[in-house]
Structure formats: C-alpha cells, structure tokens
Amino acid sequence: NEGTWERILQWEKVLHYDGSGNDDVSDASKTNAVPKTSLTKFLGRPTNLSPKAYFKHYLLNHPLPFDRHDWTVTRANADGSSSDVRYVIDYYHDETQANEEEGSGIPDMRAGIGPSEGSALRSLLVDVRPAADGVGEIWGRLVSMPLARRGCRSMLECVLFKGE
C-alpha cells in the first residue's frame, strides 16, 4: 500500500503543483510540493472491472487485474478549502517477473512494488490513476501526466524546449 500511496502522491504533484520548486514527494513532511493529502476512504472492488481494465482485456487481450481498489483522498486546496478526489487502482500479476528464489518466503513489503530493481514484489504491477469523474481528471490523465513524464509543465514547453 505504501507504493500505491507514493503513486497517488506523484499524481497529486503533477495535477496540483504549487510552483514551489520542491520536487520531493516521498517525504510526507514536505507539503509544499504536494498539497496536504490524506486517505479518507478505501473501497475494495475485486469483482468490478474498471473501464480501462475492461478495454485492455476485451479489446487488447491483456490479462485481467486480480484486484481493484477505489481510494478517496482529501486534498487541502490553496484557499483553505478541501476537495475529495477518487483514484482507481488496478492490481496485476506480471508472470514474466515472477520467480521462485531460494529463501524468498514472505517478502518485505516495505521494499517496494513493481518491476524496479530492489523491489520485493517485482511481479506486482499497480495501475494508479484519478477516476474519470470530471473534465479535470480526464485532462490530467490524457495531457498533464504524459507531459510530466517528458519533463514538461506545458505543451508549449515540450514543443519549444524538449523537441531539440
């Protein structure tokens, strides 16, 4: 769950960046890069497919997720108000990363998840994204996060400075 929370904080940083220049989202005590965010609701929905999982499975022949969660987080806004944001999380098992090593036993869950080196659960893939509950969330998923992954804050910046 810590790895999933880190991914939610990455989304929060991209979608609600305050311009302070502080890029450290891993330290919860530094709140100027990510607005104060807390988990307010956790709902397991293992039998319900998200629209993305449905599309990936039935049209692209991707394996089904073994679990789905909806997490609702409360974000403190700059004006002192707060807002609730729902995140959809699909959990997949990656057979290509699964192995049985000597002494593997129960993994240390604090070591991380996903295919990165040093991760205890490399065979667990987590797809975290804001629910498509409004235009802002859809824009964030389709535009803001892809730009952030390229290191840009706007389309203009990517075209003018990153396209060299």
N, C-alpha and C. Protein backbone atom coordinates (compact mmCIF):
# COMPACT_ATOMS: atom_id res chain seq x y z
N ASN A 1 0.80 -1.20 0.00
CA ASN A 1 0.00 0.00 0.00
C ASN A 1 0.85 1.27 0.00
N GLU A 2 2.07 1.18 0.55
CA GLU A 2 2.93 2.35 0.54
C GLU A 2 3.33 2.74 -0.88
N GLY A 3 3.59 1.73 -1.72
CA GLY A 3 3.92 2.00 -3.11
C GLY A 3 2.76 2.63 -3.86
N THR A 4 1.56 2.18 -3.57
CA THR A 4 0.37 2.76 -4.19
C THR A 4 0.19 4.20 -3.74
N TRP A 5 0.41 4.46 -2.46
CA TRP A 5 0.29 5.82 -1.93
C TRP A 5 1.31 6.74 -2.59
N GLU A 6 2.54 6.26 -2.80
CA GLU A 6 3.56 7.07 -3.48
C GLU A 6 3.11 7.44 -4.89
N ARG A 7 2.45 6.52 -5.56
CA ARG A 7 1.96 6.82 -6.91
C ARG A 7 0.82 7.84 -6.89
N ILE A 8 -0.01 7.77 -5.87
CA ILE A 8 -1.06 8.79 -5.73
C ILE A 8 -0.43 10.15 -5.50
N LEU A 9 0.62 10.20 -4.67
CA LEU A 9 1.30 11.48 -4.42
C LEU A 9 1.96 12.00 -5.69
N GLN A 10 2.45 11.12 -6.56
CA GLN A 10 3.01 11.56 -7.84
C GLN A 10 1.92 12.22 -8.69
N TRP A 11 0.74 11.61 -8.73
CA TRP A 11 -0.37 12.22 -9.46
C TRP A 11 -0.73 13.57 -8.87
N GLU A 12 -0.81 13.63 -7.54
CA GLU A 12 -1.16 14.89 -6.88
C GLU A 12 -0.14 15.98 -7.21
N LYS A 13 1.12 15.61 -7.24
CA LYS A 13 2.17 16.58 -7.56
C LYS A 13 2.01 17.13 -8.98
N VAL A 14 1.70 16.25 -9.91
CA VAL A 14 1.54 16.67 -11.31
C VAL A 14 0.27 17.48 -11.51
N LEU A 15 -0.83 17.01 -10.94
CA LEU A 15 -2.12 17.66 -11.20
C LEU A 15 -2.36 18.91 -10.37
N HIS A 16 -1.64 19.05 -9.25
CA HIS A 16 -1.89 20.18 -8.35
C HIS A 16 -0.59 20.76 -7.84
N TYR A 17 0.34 20.99 -8.75
CA TYR A 17 1.66 21.52 -8.43
C TYR A 17 1.54 22.98 -7.99
N ASP A 18 2.27 23.35 -6.92
CA ASP A 18 2.16 24.72 -6.41
C ASP A 18 3.24 25.66 -6.91
N GLY A 19 4.19 25.16 -7.72
CA GLY A 19 5.21 26.02 -8.28
C GLY A 19 6.34 26.35 -7.33
N SER A 20 6.45 25.66 -6.20
CA SER A 20 7.48 25.99 -5.21
C SER A 20 8.86 25.51 -5.63
N GLY A 21 8.92 24.58 -6.58
CA GLY A 21 10.21 24.05 -6.99
C GLY A 21 10.65 22.85 -6.18
N ASN A 22 9.93 22.51 -5.15
CA ASN A 22 10.28 21.34 -4.35
C ASN A 22 9.71 20.11 -5.04
N ASP A 23 10.59 19.23 -5.52
CA ASP A 23 10.16 18.07 -6.27
C ASP A 23 10.11 16.80 -5.44
N ASP A 24 10.37 16.86 -4.13
CA ASP A 24 10.42 15.67 -3.30
C ASP A 24 9.02 15.33 -2.81
N VAL A 25 8.44 14.26 -3.37
CA VAL A 25 7.12 13.83 -2.93
C VAL A 25 7.20 12.65 -1.98
N SER A 26 8.39 12.09 -1.79
CA SER A 26 8.49 10.91 -0.95
C SER A 26 8.47 11.25 0.53
N ASP A 27 8.85 12.46 0.92
CA ASP A 27 8.87 12.85 2.32
C ASP A 27 7.55 13.53 2.64
N ALA A 28 6.74 12.86 3.47
CA ALA A 28 5.40 13.38 3.78
C ALA A 28 5.45 14.69 4.57
N SER A 29 6.59 15.01 5.20
CA SER A 29 6.65 16.24 5.99
C SER A 29 6.84 17.47 5.12
N LYS A 30 7.20 17.29 3.86
CA LYS A 30 7.38 18.43 2.94
C LYS A 30 6.10 18.57 2.14
N THR A 31 5.26 19.50 2.53
CA THR A 31 3.94 19.61 1.92
C THR A 31 3.86 20.69 0.85
N ASN A 32 4.96 21.40 0.56
CA ASN A 32 4.84 22.46 -0.42
C ASN A 32 4.91 21.95 -1.86
N ALA A 33 5.38 20.74 -2.10
CA ALA A 33 5.36 20.19 -3.45
C ALA A 33 4.02 19.52 -3.75
N VAL A 34 3.43 18.90 -2.75
CA VAL A 34 2.16 18.23 -2.90
C VAL A 34 1.23 18.80 -1.84
N PRO A 35 0.03 19.22 -2.22
CA PRO A 35 -0.89 19.71 -1.21
C PRO A 35 -1.13 18.64 -0.15
N LYS A 36 -1.42 19.07 1.06
CA LYS A 36 -1.67 18.11 2.14
C LYS A 36 -2.78 17.17 1.70
N THR A 37 -2.45 15.91 1.62
CA THR A 37 -3.36 14.90 1.11
C THR A 37 -3.47 13.78 2.12
N SER A 38 -4.69 13.30 2.36
CA SER A 38 -4.87 12.19 3.28
C SER A 38 -5.92 11.23 2.72
N LEU A 39 -5.75 9.97 3.03
CA LEU A 39 -6.68 8.94 2.60
C LEU A 39 -7.93 9.01 3.48
N THR A 40 -9.09 9.16 2.86
CA THR A 40 -10.32 9.26 3.63
C THR A 40 -11.25 8.07 3.42
N LYS A 41 -11.09 7.35 2.32
CA LYS A 41 -11.97 6.22 2.07
C LYS A 41 -11.22 5.19 1.23
N PHE A 42 -11.42 3.94 1.58
CA PHE A 42 -10.77 2.83 0.90
C PHE A 42 -11.86 1.81 0.57
N LEU A 43 -12.01 1.47 -0.69
CA LEU A 43 -13.06 0.54 -1.08
C LEU A 43 -12.47 -0.51 -2.01
N GLY A 44 -12.49 -1.76 -1.58
CA GLY A 44 -12.05 -2.87 -2.43
C GLY A 44 -13.18 -3.30 -3.34
N ARG A 45 -12.88 -3.41 -4.62
CA ARG A 45 -13.90 -3.80 -5.60
C ARG A 45 -13.33 -4.88 -6.52
N PRO A 46 -12.96 -6.05 -5.98
CA PRO A 46 -12.27 -7.06 -6.78
C PRO A 46 -13.10 -7.65 -7.91
N THR A 47 -14.41 -7.59 -7.83
CA THR A 47 -15.24 -8.19 -8.88
C THR A 47 -15.67 -7.18 -9.94
N ASN A 48 -15.37 -5.90 -9.73
CA ASN A 48 -15.75 -4.87 -10.70
C ASN A 48 -14.55 -4.48 -11.53
N LEU A 49 -14.69 -4.57 -12.83
CA LEU A 49 -13.61 -4.12 -13.72
C LEU A 49 -13.72 -2.62 -13.93
N SER A 50 -12.59 -1.95 -13.89
CA SER A 50 -12.57 -0.54 -14.27
C SER A 50 -12.74 -0.46 -15.78
N PRO A 51 -13.20 0.68 -16.30
CA PRO A 51 -13.34 0.79 -17.76
C PRO A 51 -12.02 0.54 -18.49
N LYS A 52 -10.91 1.00 -17.92
CA LYS A 52 -9.61 0.78 -18.56
C LYS A 52 -9.26 -0.71 -18.58
N ALA A 53 -9.48 -1.41 -17.47
CA ALA A 53 -9.18 -2.85 -17.42
C ALA A 53 -10.09 -3.61 -18.39
N TYR A 54 -11.36 -3.22 -18.47
CA TYR A 54 -12.29 -3.84 -19.40
C TYR A 54 -11.79 -3.68 -20.84
N PHE A 55 -11.42 -2.45 -21.20
CA PHE A 55 -10.92 -2.16 -22.55
C PHE A 55 -9.66 -2.98 -22.84
N LYS A 56 -8.71 -2.94 -21.90
CA LYS A 56 -7.45 -3.65 -22.11
C LYS A 56 -7.65 -5.15 -22.25
N HIS A 57 -8.57 -5.71 -21.47
CA HIS A 57 -8.77 -7.15 -21.52
C HIS A 57 -9.55 -7.59 -22.75
N TYR A 58 -10.69 -6.97 -22.99
CA TYR A 58 -11.57 -7.45 -24.05
C TYR A 58 -11.19 -6.96 -25.45
N LEU A 59 -10.47 -5.87 -25.56
CA LEU A 59 -10.07 -5.40 -26.88
C LEU A 59 -8.59 -5.64 -27.18
N LEU A 60 -7.74 -5.66 -26.15
CA LEU A 60 -6.31 -5.82 -26.37
C LEU A 60 -5.76 -7.15 -25.84
N ASN A 61 -6.65 -7.99 -25.31
CA ASN A 61 -6.27 -9.31 -24.80
C ASN A 61 -5.24 -9.25 -23.67
N HIS A 62 -5.30 -8.21 -22.86
CA HIS A 62 -4.42 -8.05 -21.69
C HIS A 62 -5.01 -8.88 -20.55
N PRO A 63 -4.18 -9.45 -19.67
CA PRO A 63 -4.74 -10.21 -18.54
C PRO A 63 -5.61 -9.33 -17.65
N LEU A 64 -6.57 -9.96 -16.99
CA LEU A 64 -7.43 -9.23 -16.06
C LEU A 64 -6.67 -8.89 -14.78
N PRO A 65 -6.99 -7.76 -14.15
CA PRO A 65 -6.40 -7.48 -12.84
C PRO A 65 -6.95 -8.46 -11.81
N PHE A 66 -6.13 -8.79 -10.81
CA PHE A 66 -6.63 -9.69 -9.78
C PHE A 66 -7.34 -8.95 -8.67
N ASP A 67 -7.21 -7.60 -8.63
CA ASP A 67 -7.88 -6.82 -7.61
C ASP A 67 -8.06 -5.39 -8.11
N ARG A 68 -9.05 -4.72 -7.56
CA ARG A 68 -9.29 -3.32 -7.87
C ARG A 68 -9.66 -2.61 -6.57
N HIS A 69 -9.12 -1.42 -6.39
CA HIS A 69 -9.48 -0.59 -5.24
C HIS A 69 -9.89 0.78 -5.74
N ASP A 70 -10.77 1.42 -5.01
CA ASP A 70 -11.06 2.83 -5.20
C ASP A 70 -10.65 3.52 -3.90
N TRP A 71 -9.73 4.45 -4.00
CA TRP A 71 -9.28 5.21 -2.84
C TRP A 71 -9.78 6.64 -3.02
N THR A 72 -10.35 7.20 -1.99
CA THR A 72 -10.74 8.60 -1.99
C THR A 72 -9.79 9.35 -1.08
N VAL A 73 -9.16 10.38 -1.62
CA VAL A 73 -8.24 11.18 -0.83
C VAL A 73 -8.81 12.59 -0.70
N THR A 74 -8.51 13.22 0.43
CA THR A 74 -8.91 14.60 0.65
C THR A 74 -7.68 15.47 0.48
N ARG A 75 -7.80 16.45 -0.40
CA ARG A 75 -6.70 17.36 -0.70
C ARG A 75 -7.02 18.73 -0.14
N ALA A 76 -6.04 19.32 0.54
CA ALA A 76 -6.20 20.70 1.03
C ALA A 76 -5.86 21.64 -0.12
N ASN A 77 -6.78 22.53 -0.45
CA ASN A 77 -6.57 23.49 -1.52
C ASN A 77 -5.87 24.74 -1.00
N ALA A 78 -5.32 25.54 -1.90
CA ALA A 78 -4.58 26.75 -1.52
C ALA A 78 -5.46 27.77 -0.80
N ASP A 79 -6.76 27.78 -1.10
CA ASP A 79 -7.66 28.75 -0.47
C ASP A 79 -8.17 28.31 0.90
N GLY A 80 -7.67 27.18 1.41
CA GLY A 80 -8.07 26.70 2.72
C GLY A 80 -9.19 25.68 2.69
N SER A 81 -9.84 25.53 1.55
CA SER A 81 -10.90 24.53 1.43
C SER A 81 -10.27 23.16 1.17
N SER A 82 -11.09 22.15 1.11
CA SER A 82 -10.60 20.82 0.78
C SER A 82 -11.50 20.20 -0.27
N SER A 83 -10.97 19.25 -1.00
CA SER A 83 -11.75 18.56 -2.01
C SER A 83 -11.40 17.09 -1.99
N ASP A 84 -12.39 16.26 -2.33
CA ASP A 84 -12.19 14.82 -2.39
C ASP A 84 -11.90 14.42 -3.83
N VAL A 85 -10.93 13.54 -4.00
CA VAL A 85 -10.54 13.04 -5.31
C VAL A 85 -10.52 11.52 -5.23
N ARG A 86 -11.17 10.86 -6.17
CA ARG A 86 -11.20 9.40 -6.20
C ARG A 86 -10.13 8.88 -7.15
N TYR A 87 -9.40 7.88 -6.70
CA TYR A 87 -8.39 7.22 -7.52
C TYR A 87 -8.79 5.78 -7.74
N VAL A 88 -8.58 5.28 -8.95
CA VAL A 88 -8.85 3.89 -9.30
C VAL A 88 -7.52 3.18 -9.37
N ILE A 89 -7.44 2.02 -8.71
CA ILE A 89 -6.19 1.26 -8.68
C ILE A 89 -6.49 -0.16 -9.14
N ASP A 90 -5.82 -0.59 -10.19
CA ASP A 90 -5.91 -1.98 -10.67
C ASP A 90 -4.59 -2.66 -10.34
N TYR A 91 -4.68 -3.87 -9.79
CA TYR A 91 -3.51 -4.67 -9.43
C TYR A 91 -3.40 -5.85 -10.39
N TYR A 92 -2.23 -5.98 -11.03
CA TYR A 92 -1.98 -7.05 -11.99
C TYR A 92 -0.81 -7.90 -11.50
N HIS A 93 -0.85 -9.17 -11.89
CA HIS A 93 0.28 -10.06 -11.63
C HIS A 93 1.05 -10.20 -12.93
N ASP A 94 2.35 -9.91 -12.90
CA ASP A 94 3.20 -9.99 -14.08
C ASP A 94 3.98 -11.31 -14.05
N GLU A 95 3.54 -12.28 -14.82
CA GLU A 95 4.16 -13.60 -14.84
C GLU A 95 5.62 -13.55 -15.28
N THR A 96 5.97 -12.57 -16.12
CA THR A 96 7.35 -12.51 -16.60
C THR A 96 8.33 -12.13 -15.51
N GLN A 97 7.87 -11.45 -14.46
CA GLN A 97 8.74 -11.03 -13.36
C GLN A 97 8.70 -11.99 -12.17
N ALA A 98 7.77 -12.95 -12.21
CA ALA A 98 7.63 -13.88 -11.08
C ALA A 98 8.74 -14.93 -11.14
N ASN A 99 9.30 -15.22 -9.99
CA ASN A 99 10.29 -16.30 -9.89
C ASN A 99 10.30 -16.84 -8.48
N GLU A 100 10.86 -17.99 -8.34
CA GLU A 100 10.96 -18.60 -7.02
C GLU A 100 12.44 -18.70 -6.68
N GLU A 101 12.89 -17.80 -5.84
CA GLU A 101 14.29 -17.78 -5.44
C GLU A 101 14.44 -18.46 -4.09
N GLU A 102 15.61 -18.98 -3.83
CA GLU A 102 15.93 -19.60 -2.56
C GLU A 102 15.69 -18.62 -1.42
N GLY A 103 14.89 -19.02 -0.45
CA GLY A 103 14.65 -18.17 0.71
C GLY A 103 13.73 -17.01 0.46
N SER A 104 12.97 -17.03 -0.63
CA SER A 104 12.11 -15.88 -0.92
C SER A 104 11.03 -15.73 0.14
N GLY A 105 10.40 -16.81 0.55
CA GLY A 105 9.42 -16.78 1.63
C GLY A 105 8.46 -15.61 1.53
N ILE A 106 8.25 -14.93 2.64
CA ILE A 106 7.39 -13.76 2.67
C ILE A 106 8.23 -12.53 2.39
N PRO A 107 7.92 -11.78 1.35
CA PRO A 107 8.74 -10.62 1.00
C PRO A 107 8.56 -9.47 1.99
N ASP A 108 9.57 -8.62 2.06
CA ASP A 108 9.49 -7.41 2.86
C ASP A 108 8.66 -6.40 2.08
N MET A 109 7.45 -6.14 2.52
CA MET A 109 6.52 -5.29 1.78
C MET A 109 6.98 -3.84 1.71
N ARG A 110 7.88 -3.43 2.58
CA ARG A 110 8.36 -2.04 2.56
C ARG A 110 9.40 -1.82 1.48
N ALA A 111 9.85 -2.88 0.82
CA ALA A 111 10.89 -2.77 -0.19
C ALA A 111 10.36 -2.28 -1.53
N GLY A 112 9.07 -2.13 -1.66
CA GLY A 112 8.51 -1.57 -2.89
C GLY A 112 7.82 -2.61 -3.75
N ILE A 113 7.11 -2.10 -4.76
CA ILE A 113 6.39 -2.96 -5.68
C ILE A 113 6.72 -2.55 -7.09
N GLY A 114 6.45 -3.43 -8.02
CA GLY A 114 6.66 -3.12 -9.42
C GLY A 114 7.97 -3.65 -9.95
N PRO A 115 8.26 -3.42 -11.22
CA PRO A 115 9.41 -4.04 -11.87
C PRO A 115 10.76 -3.41 -11.57
N SER A 116 10.84 -2.41 -10.70
CA SER A 116 12.12 -1.75 -10.44
C SER A 116 13.06 -2.65 -9.64
N GLU A 117 14.35 -2.42 -9.81
CA GLU A 117 15.36 -3.18 -9.08
C GLU A 117 15.24 -2.93 -7.59
N GLY A 118 15.48 -3.95 -6.80
CA GLY A 118 15.41 -3.82 -5.35
C GLY A 118 13.99 -3.97 -4.82
N SER A 119 13.04 -4.13 -5.70
CA SER A 119 11.65 -4.27 -5.29
C SER A 119 11.40 -5.68 -4.81
N ALA A 120 10.69 -5.80 -3.70
CA ALA A 120 10.38 -7.12 -3.14
C ALA A 120 9.34 -7.85 -3.98
N LEU A 121 8.41 -7.12 -4.55
CA LEU A 121 7.34 -7.72 -5.35
C LEU A 121 7.41 -7.22 -6.78
N ARG A 122 8.39 -7.71 -7.51
CA ARG A 122 8.54 -7.26 -8.89
C ARG A 122 7.43 -7.78 -9.78
N SER A 123 6.75 -8.84 -9.36
CA SER A 123 5.70 -9.42 -10.19
C SER A 123 4.35 -8.73 -9.99
N LEU A 124 4.29 -7.71 -9.13
CA LEU A 124 3.06 -6.97 -8.88
C LEU A 124 3.10 -5.64 -9.63
N LEU A 125 2.16 -5.46 -10.54
CA LEU A 125 2.06 -4.20 -11.28
C LEU A 125 0.82 -3.46 -10.79
N VAL A 126 0.99 -2.18 -10.51
CA VAL A 126 -0.10 -1.37 -9.98
C VAL A 126 -0.37 -0.24 -10.95
N ASP A 127 -1.61 -0.14 -11.39
CA ASP A 127 -2.04 0.93 -12.31
C ASP A 127 -2.89 1.90 -11.49
N VAL A 128 -2.31 3.05 -11.14
CA VAL A 128 -2.98 4.06 -10.33
C VAL A 128 -3.31 5.26 -11.21
N ARG A 129 -4.53 5.75 -11.12
CA ARG A 129 -4.92 6.94 -11.88
C ARG A 129 -6.15 7.57 -11.25
N PRO A 130 -6.33 8.88 -11.46
CA PRO A 130 -7.55 9.51 -10.97
C PRO A 130 -8.75 8.95 -11.72
N ALA A 131 -9.85 8.78 -11.03
CA ALA A 131 -11.07 8.33 -11.69
C ALA A 131 -11.52 9.40 -12.67
N ALA A 132 -12.10 8.97 -13.76
CA ALA A 132 -12.56 9.91 -14.79
C ALA A 132 -13.92 10.48 -14.39
N ASP A 133 -13.95 11.16 -13.24
CA ASP A 133 -15.19 11.71 -12.71
C ASP A 133 -15.50 13.12 -13.22
N GLY A 134 -14.57 13.73 -13.92
CA GLY A 134 -14.79 15.09 -14.41
C GLY A 134 -13.78 15.43 -15.49
N VAL A 135 -13.98 16.57 -16.11
CA VAL A 135 -13.11 17.01 -17.20
C VAL A 135 -11.67 17.20 -16.72
N GLY A 136 -11.49 17.75 -15.52
CA GLY A 136 -10.15 17.99 -14.99
C GLY A 136 -9.35 16.71 -14.81
N GLU A 137 -10.00 15.66 -14.31
CA GLU A 137 -9.32 14.38 -14.14
C GLU A 137 -8.98 13.74 -15.48
N ILE A 138 -9.88 13.86 -16.44
CA ILE A 138 -9.62 13.31 -17.77
C ILE A 138 -8.46 14.06 -18.42
N TRP A 139 -8.45 15.38 -18.32
CA TRP A 139 -7.35 16.19 -18.86
C TRP A 139 -6.03 15.79 -18.21
N GLY A 140 -6.04 15.60 -16.90
CA GLY A 140 -4.84 15.20 -16.20
C GLY A 140 -4.30 13.88 -16.67
N ARG A 141 -5.19 12.92 -16.91
CA ARG A 141 -4.76 11.60 -17.35
C ARG A 141 -4.25 11.62 -18.79
N LEU A 142 -4.90 12.40 -19.66
CA LEU A 142 -4.54 12.38 -21.07
C LEU A 142 -3.44 13.37 -21.45
N VAL A 143 -3.29 14.45 -20.69
CA VAL A 143 -2.35 15.50 -21.08
C VAL A 143 -1.29 15.77 -20.00
N SER A 144 -1.72 16.10 -18.80
CA SER A 144 -0.77 16.55 -17.77
C SER A 144 0.26 15.50 -17.39
N MET A 145 -0.16 14.26 -17.12
CA MET A 145 0.80 13.24 -16.71
C MET A 145 1.75 12.87 -17.85
N PRO A 146 1.29 12.67 -19.09
CA PRO A 146 2.26 12.41 -20.16
C PRO A 146 3.28 13.54 -20.33
N LEU A 147 2.85 14.79 -20.18
CA LEU A 147 3.80 15.90 -20.26
C LEU A 147 4.80 15.84 -19.12
N ALA A 148 4.33 15.56 -17.92
CA ALA A 148 5.22 15.49 -16.76
C ALA A 148 6.24 14.37 -16.91
N ARG A 149 5.84 13.27 -17.51
CA ARG A 149 6.79 12.17 -17.72
C ARG A 149 7.88 12.55 -18.70
N ARG A 150 7.60 13.50 -19.59
CA ARG A 150 8.61 14.01 -20.51
C ARG A 150 9.41 15.14 -19.89
N GLY A 151 9.04 15.57 -18.69
CA GLY A 151 9.75 16.64 -18.01
C GLY A 151 9.23 18.03 -18.35
N CYS A 152 8.01 18.12 -18.86
CA CYS A 152 7.43 19.40 -19.26
C CYS A 152 6.28 19.78 -18.34
N ARG A 153 6.07 21.08 -18.18
CA ARG A 153 4.91 21.57 -17.43
C ARG A 153 3.78 22.01 -18.36
N SER A 154 4.08 22.20 -19.65
CA SER A 154 3.05 22.59 -20.62
C SER A 154 3.41 22.04 -21.98
N MET A 155 2.41 22.02 -22.89
CA MET A 155 2.66 21.56 -24.25
C MET A 155 3.65 22.48 -24.95
N LEU A 156 3.53 23.78 -24.71
CA LEU A 156 4.43 24.74 -25.33
C LEU A 156 5.88 24.48 -24.91
N GLU A 157 6.10 24.24 -23.64
CA GLU A 157 7.44 23.96 -23.16
C GLU A 157 8.01 22.71 -23.82
N CYS A 158 7.19 21.68 -24.00
CA CYS A 158 7.67 20.44 -24.65
C CYS A 158 8.02 20.69 -26.11
N VAL A 159 7.19 21.45 -26.79
CA VAL A 159 7.43 21.71 -28.21
C VAL A 159 8.67 22.59 -28.40
N LEU A 160 8.79 23.66 -27.62
CA LEU A 160 9.87 24.61 -27.82
C LEU A 160 11.22 24.17 -27.25
N PHE A 161 11.21 23.52 -26.10
CA PHE A 161 12.47 23.27 -25.41
C PHE A 161 12.87 21.81 -25.35
N LYS A 162 11.95 20.88 -25.43
CA LYS A 162 12.27 19.46 -25.33
C LYS A 162 12.35 18.77 -26.67
N GLY A 163 11.91 19.42 -27.70
CA GLY A 163 11.89 18.81 -29.01
C GLY A 163 13.16 19.00 -29.80
N GLU A 164 14.25 19.35 -29.15
CA GLU A 164 15.51 19.63 -29.87
C GLU A 164 16.17 18.38 -30.35
